[in-house]
Amino acid sequence: MGDEGEAVKVAVRVRKFNQREIDAGATRIVRMQNFDQGSKTYLTNPETKEEKDFAYDFSFQSHSKDEQGIGEWATQDTVFDTLGAPVLTNVQSGCNVCLFAYGQTGAGKSYSMLGKPDDQGIVPRTCNALFKLKDGNKNPRITYNIEIQVVEVYMDQVNNLLMDRSKWPAKGFEPQYTKDGYIVKTDPWVCEAYEDIEKAITFADKNRSIGSHALNPESSRAHTIYIIAYTQVEKDEKDKVLKTVNSRLNLVDLAGSERTETAGTSGQMLAEGNAINKSLTSLGNCIKSLSEGKAPNYRDSKLT
C-alpha cells in the first residue's frame, strides 16, 4: 500500500475471548509489540512456557483494554487509520487495491471488515471516507462516480448479493478475464451518497450464506467481496477532459478455515467447509507464487 517496494502489507489482530472460550477456561498466550517500523506478535507455549515471536507490518491488540504488558489497545479506529487510510490514498491516485481478512472461523474477520452499526469496520468506513471526499469537492469541473458490486464465492460458485436470490443463475456468474484482471459482470449499484452504500451493504448482508456450528453461531459459508469502482474526471472550461482517475477497490471478507472435528460439521456444512478450505489453499498458493516471482495458477479457484 505504498511504493512498489511496499506493495503488500500484512497485519494480525487478536480479539477478546468469546463466551465459549470463557466457559472453557481459556488463557491468553498472545502479546504484541509495535515499533516505528514493523511489529512482533509473541506466542507462548502453554505447556513449556517457551515464547516465539513472529514479525508483521502491524499487530493489533484488541483482546483487553486494561491488561498491561500485552500491547497497546487497538480499536476499530486504530485498524482503519492504519490500514484503511492508506487504501484511500492509493485509490485516489488511480491504483487498484485489495484488502482481505484471513483467519480460521470465529476469528473476528467480519467484525474487522464490517463491524457493528455503532462500531463500523473497514468496509463502511472506507466508503464513508470516499463520499466525504466527493462531497467536499468545490471544483465544479471535477466529477465523481462511485459504484459498488457485492458478490460471494459459495462452493466455488459466484453469486450476486445485490440481486434477489430467486433471480440468481443456477450455476452462478462466471468470472471473465479483462485488462483489469478477472472480474464478475454483475450490475453495479451507482451510489450518489453514502446512504446508497449503506443500503447496498444491508441488502447484501441479508443475502449472504451463513450457518451455525460449534465454533461460530454466525459462520460465513462463503467469501464475500465488496468491489468499489471509483472514477474521477476533471474537465476544462470547454468541457474537454483533462484528467481521468479510475481505480478498483476490493474489500474481501474471507470465510474462515475450518477443522471438521472441532467445528462439528456434517452434511452440507461439511461440504461447504471443504470448499472453503480448498479455495483458501488456492489463494495461499497464488500468494506464495507471487512472492517467489512465479506465475500463479489463478484458475484453481473462483476465489482467485
Protein backbone atom coordinates (compact mmCIF):
# COMPACT_ATOMS: atom_id res chain seq x y z
CA MET A 1 0.00 0.00 0.00
CA GLY A 2 2.84 2.35 -0.75
CA ASP A 3 5.50 2.40 -3.43
CA GLU A 4 6.31 -0.67 -5.49
CA GLY A 5 8.67 -1.91 -2.80
CA GLU A 6 5.87 -1.81 -0.24
CA ALA A 7 3.03 -3.17 -2.34
CA VAL A 8 1.93 -5.72 0.28
CA LYS A 9 1.33 -5.14 3.98
CA VAL A 10 0.42 -7.85 6.49
CA ALA A 11 -1.34 -7.19 9.79
CA VAL A 12 -2.55 -9.51 12.55
CA ARG A 13 -5.26 -8.85 15.14
CA VAL A 14 -6.15 -10.67 18.35
CA ARG A 15 -9.71 -10.41 19.70
CA LYS A 16 -11.18 -10.80 23.15
CA PHE A 17 -12.38 -14.21 24.33
CA ASN A 18 -15.86 -15.24 23.25
CA GLN A 19 -18.28 -16.89 25.67
CA ARG A 20 -17.35 -20.41 24.56
CA GLU A 21 -13.69 -19.73 25.33
CA ILE A 22 -14.52 -18.11 28.68
CA ASP A 23 -16.63 -21.13 29.67
CA ALA A 24 -13.75 -23.41 28.69
CA GLY A 25 -11.34 -21.50 30.94
CA ALA A 26 -9.14 -20.29 28.10
CA THR A 27 -5.96 -18.40 28.93
CA ARG A 28 -4.21 -15.74 26.88
CA ILE A 29 -0.96 -16.81 25.20
CA VAL A 30 -0.54 -13.80 22.90
CA ARG A 31 1.15 -10.45 23.39
CA MET A 32 2.09 -7.83 20.83
CA GLN A 33 4.60 -5.07 20.32
CA ASN A 34 4.67 -2.35 17.66
CA PHE A 35 7.77 -0.44 16.62
CA ASP A 36 8.40 2.63 14.44
CA GLN A 37 8.85 0.15 11.60
CA GLY A 38 7.04 -3.18 11.83
CA SER A 39 5.77 -5.18 14.78
CA LYS A 40 6.08 -8.51 16.55
CA THR A 41 3.46 -10.93 17.85
CA TYR A 42 4.63 -13.29 20.61
CA LEU A 43 3.04 -16.69 21.30
CA THR A 44 3.70 -18.64 24.49
CA ASN A 45 3.50 -22.42 24.54
CA PRO A 46 1.15 -23.10 27.50
CA GLU A 47 2.96 -26.34 28.36
CA THR A 48 6.63 -25.40 28.03
CA LYS A 49 6.18 -21.60 28.54
CA GLU A 50 8.53 -21.14 25.59
CA GLU A 51 7.79 -17.92 23.72
CA LYS A 52 8.22 -17.45 19.98
CA ASP A 53 7.93 -14.22 18.04
CA PHE A 54 6.55 -13.55 14.56
CA ALA A 55 7.14 -10.38 12.54
CA TYR A 56 4.32 -8.48 10.83
CA ASP A 57 3.90 -4.98 9.48
CA PHE A 58 1.24 -4.28 12.12
CA SER A 59 -0.04 -6.11 15.22
CA PHE A 60 -3.41 -5.05 16.66
CA GLN A 61 -4.11 -5.98 20.28
CA SER A 62 -7.90 -5.96 20.70
CA HIS A 63 -8.02 -8.57 23.47
CA SER A 64 -8.02 -6.35 26.56
CA LYS A 65 -8.08 -2.61 27.11
CA ASP A 66 -6.88 -2.87 30.71
CA GLU A 67 -4.36 -5.74 30.86
CA GLN A 68 -0.82 -4.43 30.97
CA GLY A 69 2.18 -5.71 29.05
CA ILE A 70 0.32 -7.31 26.14
CA GLY A 71 0.45 -4.41 23.70
CA GLU A 72 -1.27 -1.12 23.00
CA TRP A 73 -5.08 -1.35 22.82
CA ALA A 74 -6.35 -1.25 19.22
CA THR A 75 -9.88 -0.11 18.34
CA GLN A 76 -11.75 -0.11 15.03
CA ASP A 77 -10.43 3.45 14.64
CA THR A 78 -6.87 2.17 15.04
CA VAL A 79 -7.33 -0.50 12.39
CA PHE A 80 -8.92 1.89 9.90
CA ASP A 81 -6.36 4.66 10.42
CA THR A 82 -3.54 2.15 9.91
CA LEU A 83 -4.94 0.12 7.02
CA GLY A 84 -7.94 1.95 5.56
CA ALA A 85 -6.48 5.44 5.19
CA PRO A 86 -3.52 4.31 3.00
CA VAL A 87 -6.00 2.38 0.85
CA LEU A 88 -7.90 5.60 0.18
CA THR A 89 -4.71 7.39 -0.81
CA ASN A 90 -3.93 4.69 -3.36
CA VAL A 91 -7.48 4.69 -4.75
CA GLN A 92 -7.35 8.45 -5.27
CA SER A 93 -4.11 8.07 -7.22
CA GLY A 94 -5.66 5.52 -9.59
CA CYS A 95 -4.23 2.33 -8.09
CA ASN A 96 -6.24 -0.88 -7.80
CA VAL A 97 -6.19 -2.07 -4.20
CA CYS A 98 -7.19 -5.30 -2.45
CA LEU A 99 -7.57 -5.71 1.29
CA PHE A 100 -8.71 -9.03 2.74
CA ALA A 101 -9.24 -10.55 6.17
CA TYR A 102 -7.97 -14.12 6.60
CA GLY A 103 -8.21 -16.48 9.56
CA GLN A 104 -9.97 -19.50 11.00
CA THR A 105 -13.70 -19.49 11.60
CA GLY A 106 -14.76 -17.28 14.50
CA ALA A 107 -11.54 -15.26 14.49
CA GLY A 108 -13.34 -11.92 14.09
CA LYS A 109 -12.78 -11.24 10.38
CA SER A 110 -16.29 -9.97 9.68
CA TYR A 111 -16.09 -7.70 12.71
CA SER A 112 -12.88 -6.12 11.41
CA MET A 113 -14.27 -5.76 7.89
CA LEU A 114 -17.92 -4.84 8.57
CA GLY A 115 -18.12 -4.15 12.30
CA LYS A 116 -21.38 -3.27 14.01
CA PRO A 117 -23.78 -0.34 13.42
CA ASP A 118 -22.25 1.55 16.36
CA ASP A 119 -18.67 0.37 15.74
CA GLN A 120 -18.11 0.19 12.00
CA GLY A 121 -15.39 -1.80 10.30
CA ILE A 122 -13.11 -1.10 7.35
CA VAL A 123 -15.70 -1.52 4.55
CA PRO A 124 -18.27 1.09 5.67
CA ARG A 125 -15.58 3.46 6.97
CA THR A 126 -13.72 3.37 3.65
CA CYS A 127 -16.89 4.01 1.66
CA ASN A 128 -17.88 6.84 4.01
CA ALA A 129 -14.47 8.46 3.53
CA LEU A 130 -14.83 8.27 -0.27
CA PHE A 131 -18.09 10.17 -0.13
CA LYS A 132 -16.66 12.76 2.24
CA LEU A 133 -14.00 13.33 -0.41
CA LYS A 134 -16.67 13.60 -3.11
CA ASP A 135 -18.94 15.88 -1.08
CA GLY A 136 -16.04 18.11 -0.09
CA ASN A 137 -15.15 18.86 -3.71
CA LYS A 138 -15.66 22.57 -4.52
CA ASN A 139 -14.43 22.43 -8.11
CA PRO A 140 -17.42 22.21 -10.50
CA ARG A 141 -15.14 20.84 -13.22
CA ILE A 142 -14.33 17.72 -11.20
CA THR A 143 -16.96 14.97 -11.06
CA TYR A 144 -17.01 11.65 -9.24
CA ASN A 145 -18.70 8.33 -9.95
CA ILE A 146 -18.80 5.59 -7.31
CA GLU A 147 -20.31 2.16 -7.91
CA ILE A 148 -20.49 -0.96 -5.76
CA GLN A 149 -20.80 -4.66 -6.51
CA VAL A 150 -21.07 -7.29 -3.78
CA VAL A 151 -20.52 -10.93 -4.69
CA GLU A 152 -19.90 -14.12 -2.76
CA VAL A 153 -17.94 -17.21 -3.70
CA TYR A 154 -20.01 -20.11 -2.37
CA MET A 155 -18.96 -23.70 -3.13
CA ASP A 156 -16.81 -22.30 -5.98
CA GLN A 157 -19.84 -20.53 -7.45
CA VAL A 158 -20.08 -16.74 -7.75
CA ASN A 159 -23.38 -15.21 -6.60
CA ASN A 160 -24.57 -11.60 -6.87
CA LEU A 161 -25.54 -10.44 -3.38
CA LEU A 162 -27.16 -7.29 -4.81
CA MET A 163 -29.73 -9.41 -6.65
CA ASP A 164 -32.71 -11.29 -5.24
CA ARG A 165 -31.76 -14.92 -4.64
CA SER A 166 -34.69 -16.07 -6.78
CA LYS A 167 -33.00 -14.46 -9.80
CA TRP A 168 -29.56 -16.00 -9.32
CA PRO A 169 -28.35 -18.09 -12.29
CA ALA A 170 -28.33 -21.80 -11.44
CA LYS A 171 -24.56 -22.03 -11.95
CA GLY A 172 -23.73 -18.53 -10.75
CA PHE A 173 -21.74 -15.88 -12.61
CA GLU A 174 -18.55 -16.73 -14.50
CA PRO A 175 -15.50 -14.52 -13.85
CA GLN A 176 -14.13 -13.03 -17.07
CA TYR A 177 -10.55 -12.01 -17.76
CA THR A 178 -10.06 -8.35 -18.73
CA LYS A 179 -7.28 -5.78 -18.72
CA ASP A 180 -8.18 -5.20 -15.06
CA GLY A 181 -7.82 -8.90 -14.21
CA TYR A 182 -10.68 -11.29 -13.50
CA ILE A 183 -13.99 -9.50 -12.98
CA VAL A 184 -17.57 -10.60 -12.48
CA LYS A 185 -20.06 -8.82 -14.73
CA THR A 186 -22.91 -8.22 -12.34
CA ASP A 187 -24.91 -4.99 -12.49
CA PRO A 188 -23.34 -2.49 -10.07
CA TRP A 189 -25.31 -0.10 -7.90
CA VAL A 190 -24.48 3.52 -8.72
CA CYS A 191 -24.12 5.41 -5.45
CA GLU A 192 -24.78 9.14 -5.19
CA ALA A 193 -24.38 9.28 -1.41
CA TYR A 194 -23.03 7.16 1.43
CA GLU A 195 -26.60 6.15 2.29
CA ASP A 196 -26.71 4.27 -1.03
CA ILE A 197 -23.64 2.28 0.04
CA GLU A 198 -25.32 1.50 3.37
CA LYS A 199 -28.40 0.21 1.56
CA ALA A 200 -26.23 -1.98 -0.68
CA ILE A 201 -24.29 -3.45 2.26
CA THR A 202 -27.51 -4.10 4.20
CA PHE A 203 -29.17 -5.75 1.17
CA ALA A 204 -26.09 -7.90 0.52
CA ASP A 205 -25.75 -8.89 4.17
CA LYS A 206 -29.26 -10.38 4.14
CA ASN A 207 -28.31 -12.46 1.09
CA ARG A 208 -25.06 -13.86 2.48
CA SER A 209 -24.71 -17.59 3.03
CA ILE A 210 -24.23 -18.17 6.75
CA GLY A 211 -24.64 -21.08 9.14
CA SER A 212 -24.09 -22.10 12.75
CA HIS A 213 -21.65 -24.65 14.16
CA ALA A 214 -19.75 -25.39 17.36
CA LEU A 215 -17.12 -22.69 16.81
CA ASN A 216 -19.24 -19.86 15.43
CA PRO A 217 -23.01 -19.26 15.64
CA GLU A 218 -22.84 -16.93 12.61
CA SER A 219 -20.28 -18.63 10.41
CA SER A 220 -19.80 -17.27 6.89
CA ARG A 221 -20.24 -20.13 4.43
CA ALA A 222 -18.85 -18.11 1.52
CA HIS A 223 -16.23 -15.49 0.76
CA THR A 224 -17.76 -12.01 0.39
CA ILE A 225 -16.17 -9.44 -1.92
CA TYR A 226 -17.11 -5.75 -1.88
CA ILE A 227 -15.97 -4.17 -5.16
CA ILE A 228 -15.87 -0.37 -5.27
CA ALA A 229 -15.32 1.27 -8.68
CA TYR A 230 -14.06 4.85 -8.33
CA THR A 231 -13.86 7.35 -11.19
CA GLN A 232 -12.77 10.98 -11.00
CA VAL A 233 -12.95 13.18 -14.10
CA GLU A 234 -11.56 16.71 -14.43
CA LYS A 235 -12.55 18.92 -17.39
CA ASP A 236 -11.52 22.37 -18.59
CA GLU A 237 -13.82 25.32 -19.22
CA LYS A 238 -14.52 23.97 -22.73
CA ASP A 239 -15.65 20.63 -21.32
CA LYS A 240 -12.52 18.87 -22.56
CA VAL A 241 -11.33 16.04 -20.32
CA LEU A 242 -8.02 16.92 -18.71
CA LYS A 243 -7.61 14.02 -16.34
CA THR A 244 -9.35 10.75 -15.53
CA VAL A 245 -8.64 8.59 -12.49
CA ASN A 246 -10.03 5.05 -12.48
CA SER A 247 -9.45 2.58 -9.67
CA ARG A 248 -10.99 -0.53 -8.18
CA LEU A 249 -11.07 -1.35 -4.51
CA ASN A 250 -11.68 -4.96 -3.50
CA LEU A 251 -12.52 -5.43 0.17
CA VAL A 252 -12.71 -9.16 0.91
CA ASP A 253 -14.24 -10.85 3.93
CA LEU A 254 -12.95 -14.39 3.57
CA ALA A 255 -14.82 -17.30 5.09
CA GLY A 256 -12.83 -18.90 7.90
CA SER A 257 -10.78 -22.04 7.54
CA GLU A 258 -12.30 -24.96 9.44
CA ARG A 259 -11.22 -28.16 11.17
CA THR A 260 -14.10 -30.57 10.76
CA GLU A 261 -13.65 -32.37 14.06
CA THR A 262 -13.50 -29.09 16.01
CA ALA A 263 -16.33 -27.32 14.19
CA GLY A 264 -18.53 -30.43 14.41
CA THR A 265 -19.89 -30.02 10.88
CA SER A 266 -21.54 -32.68 8.74
CA GLY A 267 -23.64 -32.97 5.60
CA GLN A 268 -24.00 -29.71 3.65
CA MET A 269 -21.94 -27.70 6.12
CA LEU A 270 -19.13 -30.24 5.85
CA ALA A 271 -19.16 -29.84 2.06
CA GLU A 272 -19.16 -26.06 2.47
CA GLY A 273 -16.23 -26.24 4.86
CA ASN A 274 -14.25 -28.41 2.44
CA ALA A 275 -14.93 -25.92 -0.38
CA ILE A 276 -13.83 -23.03 1.85
CA ASN A 277 -10.58 -24.76 2.81
CA LYS A 278 -9.83 -25.70 -0.80
CA SER A 279 -10.29 -22.14 -2.06
CA LEU A 280 -8.17 -20.73 0.77
CA THR A 281 -5.41 -23.20 -0.16
CA SER A 282 -5.60 -21.92 -3.76
CA LEU A 283 -5.33 -18.34 -2.50
CA GLY A 284 -2.32 -19.25 -0.40
CA ASN A 285 -0.66 -20.95 -3.37
CA CYS A 286 -1.20 -17.85 -5.52
CA ILE A 287 0.30 -15.57 -2.88
CA LYS A 288 3.28 -17.91 -2.48
CA SER A 289 3.86 -17.99 -6.25
CA LEU A 290 3.71 -14.20 -6.47
CA SER A 291 6.18 -13.84 -3.61
CA GLU A 292 8.56 -16.19 -5.42
CA GLY A 293 8.21 -14.38 -8.75
CA LYS A 294 6.37 -17.30 -10.35
CA ALA A 295 3.18 -17.27 -12.44
CA PRO A 296 0.22 -18.12 -10.16
CA ASN A 297 -2.46 -20.56 -11.26
CA TYR A 298 -5.46 -18.26 -10.75
CA ARG A 299 -7.85 -20.73 -12.32
CA ASP A 300 -7.58 -23.20 -9.45
CA SER A 301 -10.50 -21.47 -7.76
CA LYS A 302 -13.20 -18.89 -8.48
CA LEU A 303 -11.87 -17.01 -5.46
CA THR A 304 -8.54 -16.36 -7.14
